[in-house]
Every structure is written in C-alpha cells, then in structure tokens.
Protein backbone atom coordinates (compact mmCIF):
# COMPACT_ATOMS: atom_id res chain seq x y z
CA MET A 1 0.01 -0.04 -0.03
CA SER A 2 1.29 3.41 -0.99
CA TYR A 3 0.77 6.15 1.59
CA LEU A 4 1.83 8.93 -0.87
CA ILE A 5 -1.00 10.31 -3.08
CA GLU A 6 0.40 11.72 -6.30
CA HIS A 7 -2.77 13.18 -7.75
CA TRP A 8 -5.02 15.39 -5.51
CA GLN A 9 -7.61 17.77 -6.97
CA PRO A 10 -10.24 18.61 -4.25
CA GLU A 11 -11.65 21.53 -6.26
CA ASP A 12 -12.59 19.04 -9.03
CA LYS A 13 -16.15 18.03 -8.13
CA ASP A 14 -15.93 14.58 -9.83
CA PHE A 15 -12.63 13.74 -8.20
CA TRP A 16 -13.88 15.02 -4.83
CA GLN A 17 -17.13 13.02 -4.92
CA ASN A 18 -15.73 9.78 -6.33
CA THR A 19 -12.24 9.68 -4.59
CA GLY A 20 -11.17 12.69 -2.51
CA LYS A 21 -13.97 12.95 0.03
CA LYS A 22 -13.43 9.48 1.50
CA ILE A 23 -9.69 9.86 1.85
CA ALA A 24 -9.97 13.36 3.23
CA ARG A 25 -12.47 12.21 5.84
CA ARG A 26 -10.33 9.22 6.93
CA ASN A 27 -7.33 11.59 7.43
CA LEU A 28 -9.52 14.04 9.38
CA TRP A 29 -10.95 11.44 11.70
CA ILE A 30 -7.47 10.08 12.57
CA SER A 31 -6.11 13.56 13.01
CA ILE A 32 -8.84 14.64 15.50
CA PRO A 33 -8.00 12.15 18.39
CA ALA A 34 -4.27 12.86 17.83
CA LEU A 35 -4.90 16.57 18.21
CA LEU A 36 -7.15 15.98 21.22
CA LEU A 37 -4.36 14.14 22.96
CA ALA A 38 -1.91 16.92 22.03
CA PHE A 39 -4.18 19.54 23.66
CA ALA A 40 -4.54 17.34 26.78
CA ILE A 41 -0.79 17.10 27.24
CA TRP A 42 -0.37 20.81 26.54
CA GLN A 43 -2.87 21.78 29.24
CA VAL A 44 -2.22 19.03 31.84
CA TRP A 45 -0.33 21.54 34.03
CA SER A 46 -3.32 23.79 34.35
CA VAL A 47 -4.90 21.01 36.58
CA ALA A 48 -1.66 19.62 38.02
CA VAL A 49 -0.43 22.92 39.55
CA VAL A 50 -3.62 23.33 41.61
CA ASN A 51 -2.78 20.03 43.38
CA LEU A 52 1.01 20.45 43.83
CA PRO A 53 0.67 22.44 47.19
CA ASN A 54 -1.57 19.70 48.62
CA ILE A 55 1.18 17.03 48.31
CA GLY A 56 4.11 18.99 49.76
CA PHE A 57 5.46 21.14 46.84
CA LYS A 58 6.33 24.57 48.47
CA TYR A 59 5.68 26.94 45.63
CA THR A 60 4.63 30.52 45.73
CA PRO A 61 1.34 31.52 43.80
CA ASN A 62 3.55 33.30 41.15
CA GLN A 63 5.68 30.18 40.69
CA LEU A 64 2.41 28.15 40.10
CA PHE A 65 1.18 30.66 37.60
CA TRP A 66 4.57 30.32 35.72
CA LEU A 67 4.08 26.46 35.59
CA ALA A 68 0.61 26.93 34.22
CA ALA A 69 1.88 29.43 31.60
CA LEU A 70 5.17 27.83 30.44
CA PRO A 71 3.60 25.04 28.21
CA ALA A 72 1.92 27.84 26.21
CA LEU A 73 5.27 29.68 25.86
CA SER A 74 7.06 26.64 24.51
CA GLY A 75 4.05 25.41 22.52
CA ALA A 76 3.59 28.71 20.81
CA THR A 77 7.31 28.79 19.81
CA LEU A 78 7.28 25.22 18.54
CA ARG A 79 4.18 26.04 16.48
CA ILE A 80 6.28 28.47 14.41
CA PHE A 81 8.49 25.60 13.26
CA TYR A 82 5.65 23.04 13.16
CA SER A 83 3.81 25.29 10.76
CA PHE A 84 6.20 24.41 8.03
CA MET A 85 6.79 20.71 8.74
CA VAL A 86 3.91 19.09 6.82
CA PRO A 87 5.02 20.30 3.33
CA ILE A 88 8.55 19.28 4.18
CA PHE A 89 8.05 15.80 5.79
CA GLY A 90 4.45 14.91 4.80
CA GLY A 91 1.34 14.91 6.92
CA ARG A 92 1.32 11.16 7.76
CA LYS A 93 4.96 11.00 8.91
CA TRP A 94 4.82 14.20 10.79
CA THR A 95 1.52 13.43 12.61
CA ALA A 96 2.88 10.16 13.79
CA LEU A 97 6.22 11.55 14.90
CA SER A 98 4.72 14.64 16.69
CA THR A 99 2.05 12.41 18.43
CA ALA A 100 4.71 10.00 19.62
CA SER A 101 6.71 12.93 21.03
CA LEU A 102 3.93 13.52 23.69
CA LEU A 103 5.12 10.37 25.46
CA LEU A 104 8.14 12.38 26.92
CA PRO A 105 6.16 14.96 28.94
CA ALA A 106 3.40 12.46 29.93
CA VAL A 107 5.84 9.97 31.47
CA GLY A 108 8.09 12.76 32.86
CA LEU A 109 5.25 14.35 34.69
CA GLY A 110 4.11 10.98 36.00
CA PHE A 111 7.51 10.46 37.69
CA ALA A 112 8.34 13.93 38.83
CA VAL A 113 5.22 14.53 40.95
CA GLN A 114 5.82 11.42 43.03
CA ASP A 115 8.74 13.26 44.79
CA PRO A 116 8.10 16.57 46.54
CA ASP A 117 11.88 17.14 46.50
CA THR A 118 11.82 17.32 42.72
CA SER A 119 13.42 20.71 41.87
CA TYR A 120 11.44 23.57 40.60
CA ILE A 121 13.80 23.80 37.58
CA THR A 122 12.93 20.18 36.69
CA MET A 123 9.22 20.96 36.96
CA MET A 124 9.79 23.98 34.64
CA VAL A 125 11.54 21.81 32.05
CA LEU A 126 8.66 19.31 32.10
CA ALA A 127 6.11 22.14 31.78
CA LEU A 128 8.14 23.38 28.73
CA LEU A 129 8.12 19.88 27.16
CA CYS A 130 4.40 19.89 27.40
CA GLY A 131 4.64 22.44 24.62
CA PHE A 132 5.11 19.55 22.20
CA GLY A 133 1.32 19.22 22.45
CA GLY A 134 0.79 22.85 21.50
CA GLY A 135 3.03 22.65 18.49
CA ASN A 136 1.04 19.83 17.03
CA PHE A 137 -2.02 22.11 16.44
CA SER A 138 -0.24 24.13 13.62
CA SER A 139 0.96 21.12 11.74
CA SER A 140 -2.40 19.34 12.10
CA MET A 141 -4.47 22.25 10.83
CA ALA A 142 -2.04 22.87 7.94
CA ASN A 143 -2.19 19.19 7.02
CA ILE A 144 -6.01 18.92 6.94
CA SER A 145 -6.38 22.18 5.01
CA PHE A 146 -4.59 20.54 2.08
CA PHE A 147 -7.17 17.74 1.84
CA TYR A 148 -10.42 19.88 1.46
CA PRO A 149 -11.91 22.10 -1.18
CA LYS A 150 -12.44 25.81 -0.47
CA ALA A 151 -16.19 25.26 0.11
CA GLU A 152 -15.64 22.79 2.97
CA LYS A 153 -12.38 24.08 4.54
CA GLY A 154 -14.28 26.11 7.29
CA THR A 155 -16.23 23.05 8.37
CA ALA A 156 -13.31 20.56 8.20
CA LEU A 157 -10.82 22.85 10.01
CA GLY A 158 -13.54 23.66 12.60
CA LEU A 159 -14.07 19.91 13.25
CA ASN A 160 -10.31 19.22 13.47
CA ALA A 161 -9.69 22.16 15.74
CA GLY A 162 -12.95 22.12 17.66
CA LEU A 163 -12.95 18.36 18.57
CA GLY A 164 -9.16 18.57 19.06
CA ASN A 165 -9.66 21.50 21.49
CA LEU A 166 -11.80 19.15 23.54
CA GLY A 167 -8.47 17.86 24.82
CA VAL A 168 -8.41 20.95 27.10
CA SER A 169 -11.79 20.14 28.55
CA ALA A 170 -10.92 16.40 28.68
CA VAL A 171 -7.81 16.98 30.74
CA GLN A 172 -9.58 19.23 33.22
CA PHE A 173 -12.41 16.65 33.58
CA VAL A 174 -10.36 13.42 33.53
CA VAL A 175 -7.42 14.34 35.68
CA PRO A 176 -9.38 15.20 38.85
CA LEU A 177 -11.04 11.76 38.50
CA VAL A 178 -8.05 9.59 37.83
CA ILE A 179 -5.83 11.09 40.50
CA THR A 180 -8.25 9.76 43.18
CA ALA A 181 -7.50 6.14 42.47
CA GLY A 182 -4.61 3.81 41.86
CA VAL A 183 -5.62 3.22 38.21
CA PHE A 184 -2.31 1.44 37.27
CA GLY A 185 -1.94 -0.58 40.40
CA ALA A 186 1.65 -1.22 41.55
CA LEU A 187 2.96 -0.03 38.11
CA GLY A 188 1.65 3.43 38.76
CA GLY A 189 3.60 4.11 42.02
CA GLU A 190 2.60 4.90 45.51
CA PRO A 191 -0.08 7.47 46.41
CA GLN A 192 0.75 10.80 48.00
CA THR A 193 -0.99 11.38 51.36
CA TRP A 194 -2.23 14.86 52.36
CA VAL A 195 -4.52 16.33 55.03
CA LYS A 196 -7.54 18.59 54.61
CA ASP A 197 -9.85 19.66 57.41
CA ASP A 198 -8.11 17.12 59.67
CA VAL A 199 -9.00 14.27 57.26
CA SER A 200 -6.15 12.31 55.72
CA LYS A 201 -6.63 11.77 51.92
CA GLN A 202 -4.66 9.94 49.21
CA MET A 203 -3.85 11.18 45.71
CA TRP A 204 -2.17 9.57 42.71
CA LEU A 205 -1.15 12.84 40.92
CA GLN A 206 1.21 10.84 38.69
CA ASN A 207 -1.95 9.53 36.87
CA ALA A 208 -2.27 13.01 35.43
CA GLY A 209 0.53 12.08 33.06
CA PHE A 210 0.42 8.25 32.91
CA ILE A 211 -3.34 8.13 31.93
CA TRP A 212 -2.57 9.43 28.49
CA VAL A 213 0.34 7.09 27.57
CA PRO A 214 -1.71 4.13 26.06
CA PHE A 215 -3.87 6.49 23.99
CA ILE A 216 -0.82 8.26 22.70
CA ILE A 217 0.61 4.98 21.49
CA LEU A 218 -2.58 3.92 19.79
CA SER A 219 -3.01 7.31 18.06
CA THR A 220 0.60 7.20 16.81
CA LEU A 221 0.05 3.80 15.20
CA ALA A 222 -3.29 4.99 13.70
CA ALA A 223 -1.59 7.95 12.09
CA TRP A 224 1.35 5.89 10.75
CA PHE A 225 -0.87 3.16 9.18
CA GLY A 226 -3.97 5.16 8.39
CA MET A 227 -3.04 8.58 7.06
CA ASN A 228 -1.58 9.82 3.78
CA ASP A 229 1.01 12.18 2.45
CA LEU A 230 0.10 14.50 -0.48
CA ALA A 231 2.63 15.13 -3.24
CA SER A 232 0.90 18.38 -4.02
CA ALA A 233 1.48 19.68 -0.59
CA LYS A 234 5.28 19.44 -0.87
CA ALA A 235 7.05 22.68 -0.47
CA SER A 236 10.34 23.90 0.92
CA PHE A 237 10.58 26.42 3.77
CA LYS A 238 11.70 29.00 1.24
CA GLU A 239 8.57 28.55 -0.85
CA GLN A 240 6.37 28.87 2.28
CA ALA A 241 8.33 31.80 3.74
CA VAL A 242 6.60 34.18 1.24
CA ILE A 243 3.78 34.50 3.78
CA PHE A 244 6.00 36.76 5.92
CA SER A 245 5.73 39.41 3.18
CA ARG A 246 1.91 39.10 3.05
CA LYS A 247 0.11 41.80 5.00
CA HIS A 248 -2.94 39.66 5.68
CA ASN A 249 -0.75 37.00 7.35
CA TRP A 250 0.04 39.52 10.08
CA ILE A 251 -3.45 40.95 10.39
CA MET A 252 -4.92 37.45 10.83
CA CYS A 253 -2.24 36.73 13.42
CA ILE A 254 -3.63 39.54 15.49
CA LEU A 255 -7.22 38.44 15.00
CA TYR A 256 -6.47 34.81 15.86
CA LEU A 257 -4.57 35.98 18.94
CA GLY A 258 -7.83 37.55 20.05
CA THR A 259 -9.85 34.43 19.49
CA PHE A 260 -7.66 31.22 20.01
CA GLY A 261 -5.10 33.07 22.15
CA SER A 262 -7.88 34.03 24.53
CA PHE A 263 -9.40 30.52 24.48
CA ILE A 264 -6.10 28.79 25.42
CA GLY A 265 -5.09 31.59 27.86
CA PHE A 266 -8.37 31.53 29.65
CA ALA A 267 -8.28 27.69 29.84
CA ALA A 268 -4.74 27.77 31.29
CA GLY A 269 -5.47 30.49 33.77
CA PHE A 270 -9.06 29.89 34.89
CA PRO A 271 -8.42 27.32 37.68
CA LEU A 272 -5.82 29.43 39.38
CA LEU A 273 -7.69 32.68 38.80
CA THR A 274 -10.84 31.18 40.32
CA LYS A 275 -8.84 29.99 43.37
CA SER A 276 -7.26 33.35 43.89
CA GLN A 277 -10.51 35.43 43.54
CA PHE A 278 -12.94 33.01 45.18
CA PRO A 279 -11.02 30.96 47.80
CA GLY A 280 -14.09 29.06 48.92
CA ILE A 281 -14.68 27.53 45.41
CA ASP A 282 -13.00 24.36 44.23
CA PRO A 283 -12.08 25.34 40.66
CA VAL A 284 -11.39 21.85 39.35
CA LYS A 285 -15.11 21.10 39.59
CA TYR A 286 -15.88 23.68 37.02
CA ALA A 287 -12.73 24.35 35.08
CA PHE A 288 -13.52 21.82 32.30
CA LEU A 289 -16.79 23.43 31.30
CA GLY A 290 -15.36 26.54 29.73
CA PRO A 291 -13.04 24.73 27.36
CA LEU A 292 -15.77 22.22 26.62
CA VAL A 293 -18.13 25.03 25.50
CA GLY A 294 -15.35 26.69 23.48
CA ALA A 295 -14.38 23.54 21.72
CA LEU A 296 -17.96 22.61 20.73
CA ALA A 297 -18.52 26.19 19.54
CA ARG A 298 -15.58 26.02 17.18
CA PRO A 299 -17.07 23.78 14.49
CA LEU A 300 -20.23 25.87 14.72
CA GLY A 301 -18.17 29.01 14.00
CA GLY A 302 -16.64 27.36 10.86
CA TRP A 303 -20.05 25.95 9.74
CA LEU A 304 -21.85 29.24 10.17
CA SER A 305 -19.09 31.00 8.17
CA ASP A 306 -19.36 28.65 5.34
CA LYS A 307 -23.10 28.83 5.46
CA ILE A 308 -23.42 32.66 5.28
CA LYS A 309 -20.25 32.82 3.19
CA SER A 310 -18.80 35.41 5.52
CA GLY A 311 -16.26 34.52 8.27
CA ALA A 312 -15.55 38.26 8.85
CA LEU A 313 -19.12 38.91 10.00
CA ILE A 314 -19.04 36.11 12.58
CA THR A 315 -15.65 37.42 13.75
CA GLN A 316 -17.00 40.97 14.06
CA LEU A 317 -19.86 39.76 16.30
CA VAL A 318 -17.47 37.64 18.35
CA PHE A 319 -15.20 40.54 19.36
CA ALA A 320 -18.18 42.79 20.14
CA GLY A 321 -19.47 39.98 22.46
CA MET A 322 -16.11 39.41 24.11
CA ILE A 323 -15.74 43.10 25.02
CA ALA A 324 -19.18 42.95 26.79
CA ALA A 325 -18.27 39.66 28.53
CA VAL A 326 -14.99 40.92 29.97
CA ILE A 327 -16.79 43.97 31.30
CA GLY A 328 -19.24 41.50 32.96
CA VAL A 329 -16.25 39.56 34.51
CA ILE A 330 -14.92 42.73 36.10
CA SER A 331 -18.37 43.64 37.55
CA PHE A 332 -18.67 40.34 39.28
CA LEU A 333 -15.17 40.20 40.79
CA PRO A 334 -14.70 40.78 44.53
CA ALA A 335 -13.39 44.19 45.51
CA ASN A 336 -10.79 44.47 48.31
CA GLY A 337 -11.40 40.85 49.18
CA GLU A 338 -15.14 41.41 49.65
CA GLY A 339 -18.38 40.88 47.70
CA GLY A 340 -18.17 39.38 44.23
CA ASN A 341 -20.45 36.86 42.63
CA PHE A 342 -18.89 33.56 41.57
CA TRP A 343 -21.79 32.51 39.41
CA GLY A 344 -22.01 35.73 37.50
CA PHE A 345 -18.16 35.57 37.05
CA PHE A 346 -18.49 31.98 35.84
CA ALA A 347 -21.33 32.80 33.42
CA CYS A 348 -19.31 35.57 31.88
CA PHE A 349 -16.32 33.23 31.42
CA ILE A 350 -18.49 30.56 29.83
CA ALA A 351 -19.78 33.32 27.37
CA LEU A 352 -16.12 34.22 26.67
CA PHE A 353 -15.25 30.60 25.97
CA ALA A 354 -18.24 30.19 23.61
CA LEU A 355 -17.30 33.37 21.79
CA THR A 356 -13.70 32.42 21.43
CA GLY A 357 -14.76 29.08 19.96
CA LEU A 358 -16.98 30.71 17.41
CA GLY A 359 -14.18 33.14 16.48
CA ASN A 360 -11.65 30.34 16.20
CA GLY A 361 -13.88 28.69 13.50
CA SER A 362 -14.69 31.94 11.66
CA THR A 363 -11.06 33.29 11.45
CA PHE A 364 -9.89 29.94 10.12
CA MET A 365 -12.52 30.14 7.40
CA GLN A 366 -11.32 33.66 6.49
CA VAL A 367 -7.66 32.69 5.82
CA PRO A 368 -8.10 30.27 2.83
CA VAL A 369 -10.70 32.59 1.26
CA ILE A 370 -8.42 35.64 1.59
CA PHE A 371 -5.38 33.88 0.02
CA LEU A 372 -7.46 32.13 -2.74
CA ASN A 373 -9.03 35.37 -3.80
CA MET A 374 -5.56 37.15 -3.78
CA HIS A 375 -4.03 34.48 -6.01
CA GLN A 376 -7.01 34.37 -8.39
CA LYS A 377 -6.37 38.06 -8.90
CA PHE A 378 -2.78 37.25 -9.83
CA ALA A 379 -4.11 34.71 -12.34
CA GLN A 380 -6.60 37.25 -13.77
CA GLN A 381 -3.65 39.69 -14.21
CA GLY A 382 -1.79 36.98 -16.19
CA LEU A 383 1.03 36.65 -13.61
CA VAL A 384 0.39 32.89 -13.12
CA SER A 385 -1.88 30.17 -14.52
CA GLU A 386 -5.16 29.32 -12.88
CA GLU A 387 -3.76 25.99 -11.74
CA GLN A 388 -0.58 27.51 -10.29
CA ALA A 389 -2.68 30.23 -8.57
CA ARG A 390 -4.80 27.49 -6.91
CA LEU A 391 -1.68 25.55 -5.75
CA ASN A 392 0.01 28.67 -4.47
CA ALA A 393 -3.14 29.76 -2.59
CA THR A 394 -3.42 26.26 -0.97
CA LYS A 395 0.21 26.22 0.16
CA GLU A 396 0.14 29.82 1.43
CA GLY A 397 -3.13 29.40 3.10
CA ALA A 398 -1.99 26.28 4.93
CA ALA A 399 1.27 27.99 6.04
CA VAL A 400 -0.68 31.07 7.23
CA ILE A 401 -3.15 28.88 9.19
CA GLY A 402 -0.14 27.20 10.88
CA PHE A 403 1.76 30.40 11.52
CA THR A 404 -1.30 32.32 12.92
CA ALA A 405 -1.91 29.38 15.20
CA ALA A 406 1.70 29.73 16.37
CA PHE A 407 1.41 33.36 17.00
CA ALA A 408 -1.86 33.12 18.79
CA ALA A 409 -0.71 30.36 21.17
CA TYR A 410 1.35 32.99 23.04
CA GLY A 411 -1.97 34.05 24.48
CA GLY A 412 -1.78 30.93 26.53
CA PHE A 413 1.30 32.33 28.21
CA PHE A 414 0.46 36.02 28.45
CA ILE A 415 -3.05 35.59 29.92
CA PRO A 416 -2.15 33.54 33.02
CA LYS A 417 1.00 35.57 33.40
CA SER A 418 -0.88 38.82 33.24
CA TYR A 419 -3.10 37.75 36.03
CA GLY A 420 -0.15 36.99 38.28
CA THR A 421 1.61 40.22 37.28
CA SER A 422 -1.51 42.34 37.78
CA ILE A 423 -2.11 40.82 41.21
CA ASP A 424 1.49 41.40 42.18
CA LEU A 425 1.53 45.06 41.06
CA THR A 426 -1.93 46.25 41.92
CA GLY A 427 -3.45 43.58 44.20
CA SER A 428 -6.17 42.89 41.64
CA VAL A 429 -6.61 41.30 38.15
CA ASN A 430 -8.60 44.31 36.82
CA ALA A 431 -5.59 45.90 35.07
CA ALA A 432 -5.11 42.64 33.09
CA LEU A 433 -8.83 42.47 32.13
CA ILE A 434 -8.90 46.11 31.06
CA GLY A 435 -5.89 45.29 28.87
CA PHE A 436 -7.90 42.55 27.19
CA ILE A 437 -10.82 44.92 26.45
CA VAL A 438 -8.42 47.39 24.72
CA PHE A 439 -6.99 44.63 22.63
CA TYR A 440 -10.40 43.32 21.58
CA VAL A 441 -11.33 46.83 20.39
CA VAL A 442 -8.23 46.80 18.19
CA CYS A 443 -9.22 43.52 16.69
CA LEU A 444 -12.79 44.70 16.17
CA VAL A 445 -11.56 47.64 14.17
CA LEU A 446 -8.98 45.69 12.10
CA ASN A 447 -11.56 42.95 11.11
CA TRP A 448 -14.13 45.68 10.17
CA TRP A 449 -11.71 47.64 8.09
CA TYR A 450 -9.99 44.93 6.14
CA TYR A 451 -12.67 42.17 6.01
CA ALA A 452 -16.17 43.00 7.11
CA ARG A 453 -17.14 46.45 5.81
CA LYS A 454 -18.62 47.15 2.39
CA ASN A 455 -15.87 47.49 -0.19
CA ALA A 456 -13.31 46.12 2.24
CA GLU A 457 -9.85 45.36 0.76
CA ALA A 458 -10.23 41.58 1.25
CA LYS A 459 -13.90 41.09 2.02
CA CYS A 460 -14.51 37.49 3.20
C-alpha cells in the first residue's frame, strides 16, 4: 500500500465526490484524536499545579502561575516551526512523529510529581516539554487544510480544531477523577497522602501524566498506518516563507490571537484565577466546562461562516461580544477581598469561551478565502496560470493557518502571566482584564476595516 498520493484535486467536483472525500475524511478522523491528545498534554499543568501544594510542593502563587503558563510559551514557539513541517516531511509522517513525542512529557510528569523534592527547575523543564502538544496544532491544521476544497475548509478545520480543542476540557475533567485512584496498580507508583480539614486523603497525581500514555501509543500507530502524504502539498521552507511578506498574514495573526489566544489563555489560567479570587470555590469542579463550550462552539463558527459565506461577519460579532463579557467579569469580581459573585463571574467566562470558539472557527474560514481570492487576482492579471494560482493559494493558506496558530498560542502564556503580574503590582486582576478589552477593540476595528465592511480590501 502506498501512503503517498500523487494526484489530488479537491476543487474538481468529480474527483472529490468519487475519490477525494473518502480519503480526506479518513485523514480528518485520525487527525482529530491525535490533536485531542496533544491539547490534553499541553494543558495538563493547568490542573496539576492546583494540586501540587496539597502534596508537599512549596511553591509561591507566582511560581504556580509560571508552571501553568510555560507550556503555552514553548508550545507557541514550537508552532512556528511545526507550521512548515507538513509540506517538508508529509502529513502522515509528521503526525505520527509529533504524536509519539507526547510520551516524553506525559511519562516525565508522572515520575516527577511522586517526589516533593523534585526541583522547581525540573518542573519547569517538564512544563516546557508539554509544549510539544501545543506545537502539534499548527501542523495538524495545515495538513487537513490541504485535503479539503475551499467550500468545505471552514467546516473541516472547525471539526479538526474544535474536537481537538476538547482535549483541554478532557484533561480538566479526567485528571481530577483519575488522581483519586490507583488506576495502574503497583505499576503506577505509591499514592501521595495529604490532610484537609483534619482528614487524611490519598492522591495519585502521577496519573495526570500516565493516563494518556496508552492512548498516545494507539494514536501514533493509527496515524502511521492510516493517514496519507500528499505530493501536491510538498514545499520547501523558502517557498512557504513568502507568507512573511503578506500583510494579511500579520493581520490574521492579531485576530487569531484575540480568539484562539484568548481561548487557550483563559483555559490555562481559569483554575488558578478562580482559586485566587474565590478561595471558597473548588475550581477543578468547574474548570473543564469553559473549554468544553469553547471547543464545541468552534465547528459551529466554521459551519456558520461557510453557510453565510462570511467569516468576517461572525468574527465581528465575536469581538463585540467578548468586550461585553470581559466587562461582565470585572463587575462580578470581589473588590478589596469582599463581595463578588462567583456564578456571575463563571457565566461571563462561559460566554467568553463560547465566543472564542466561534471566532476560532470563523477566522480559520477567513484565511483560505483571503489567499485564494488574492491568488486568483494574480491569475486574472496574467501573472500565473489558474492551476498555479490554486496551488500557491493552498500552500500559502496552509502556512498562514499554521503560523497564525503559532502566534496566537502565546496568548496561553500571556493571559495567565498577566493575572499573576496584575495581582503582584496592583493587588487585583482588573488591570489585566482592562488590557484585554483594549486589545479586543483593536481586533474589532482591524477586522471591520480589512474584511467585514462594504468594499473592504479583502472582504470575506
């Protein structure tokens, strides 16, 4: 069996219906669980850090915020490189290799948390290694974008990213459950004992890493034996690097930072933020709900954008809603350690997660359309053939999708870190939240001017 496909024409309706759709769907449905596991490993520290003080790790609140933020820092940086890997190595090979790499942070975390004397530097290194999971997103999205025609890219990318994003919710739901039992028996190590309200309890925090290992192995095998490489997707880094001279690459980076960057940053920081603002609330009981809503909203954002043929309109509504939701969060926070309303605060965050999910889907619908329209204009001007224009648009669009995802992932670092910095400097998180509002206003204006208004330069 040959895993390399030499001929791929998704815009040819006969080819798509008779051959392409079946192959594309198989690659998509193998890609989704691999991406879900990547997100789970990327965000596992958002749950693990909440439990570290219980089992004897003497870290300050700011040190804990650092551990929650570091995977996003490394993940975002790795995404820059991962963005260009699929056209160089092939989607099948790279998906299998990048999924297998998740074993290192999963196993490392499992061993490190069993010893409270593990150095903080070691914990930081393991948190950085979880960035392997973050990097996978860019290569996964770039890979799937090659398989689908323009009319179905929004939905396909929305499904891949949206169901993949469920890994954030999954890790925040599964980890609190599996650390309460010796799931792996003697192989999983001894439990950690801790005391709360004069009651002695046991915890297997190592399961936060170990639980994902068998699934990572299965997903790696599925990618290696079930996915395909596309010859038409081959491109050198030099060929892809043309996106750095494209203005719309950088504008979409900013917009996606506002949507996905907010999603991953809110997910990473929500448990610790809740614990710091509402000490009587157990954040792990609710933390998974926000990412779950955001992940489920993402395919809807892509589908709505395809349906109304305007991702920019959905994006415009998203940023307007996010500004209102952050104002709501501020209004429900306690002031000077008093007052506040957790349920109002929680409802506003759920709204934020839903809006970021919709925006994640709509912005990724915008990118392929912007670059296809741009290259079609080049063809109309006689600069390239229609076929070459289509190939160039597909390659550039895929590279931009990967690179914007890399750029946006830094939101997962800056949002939790801004909470900690704001609290250190002002005693409140309000300064960080006001900064978010200002940024969302900038995104609203950019999207309206370039993509949403009548006669916009790249209306989409």
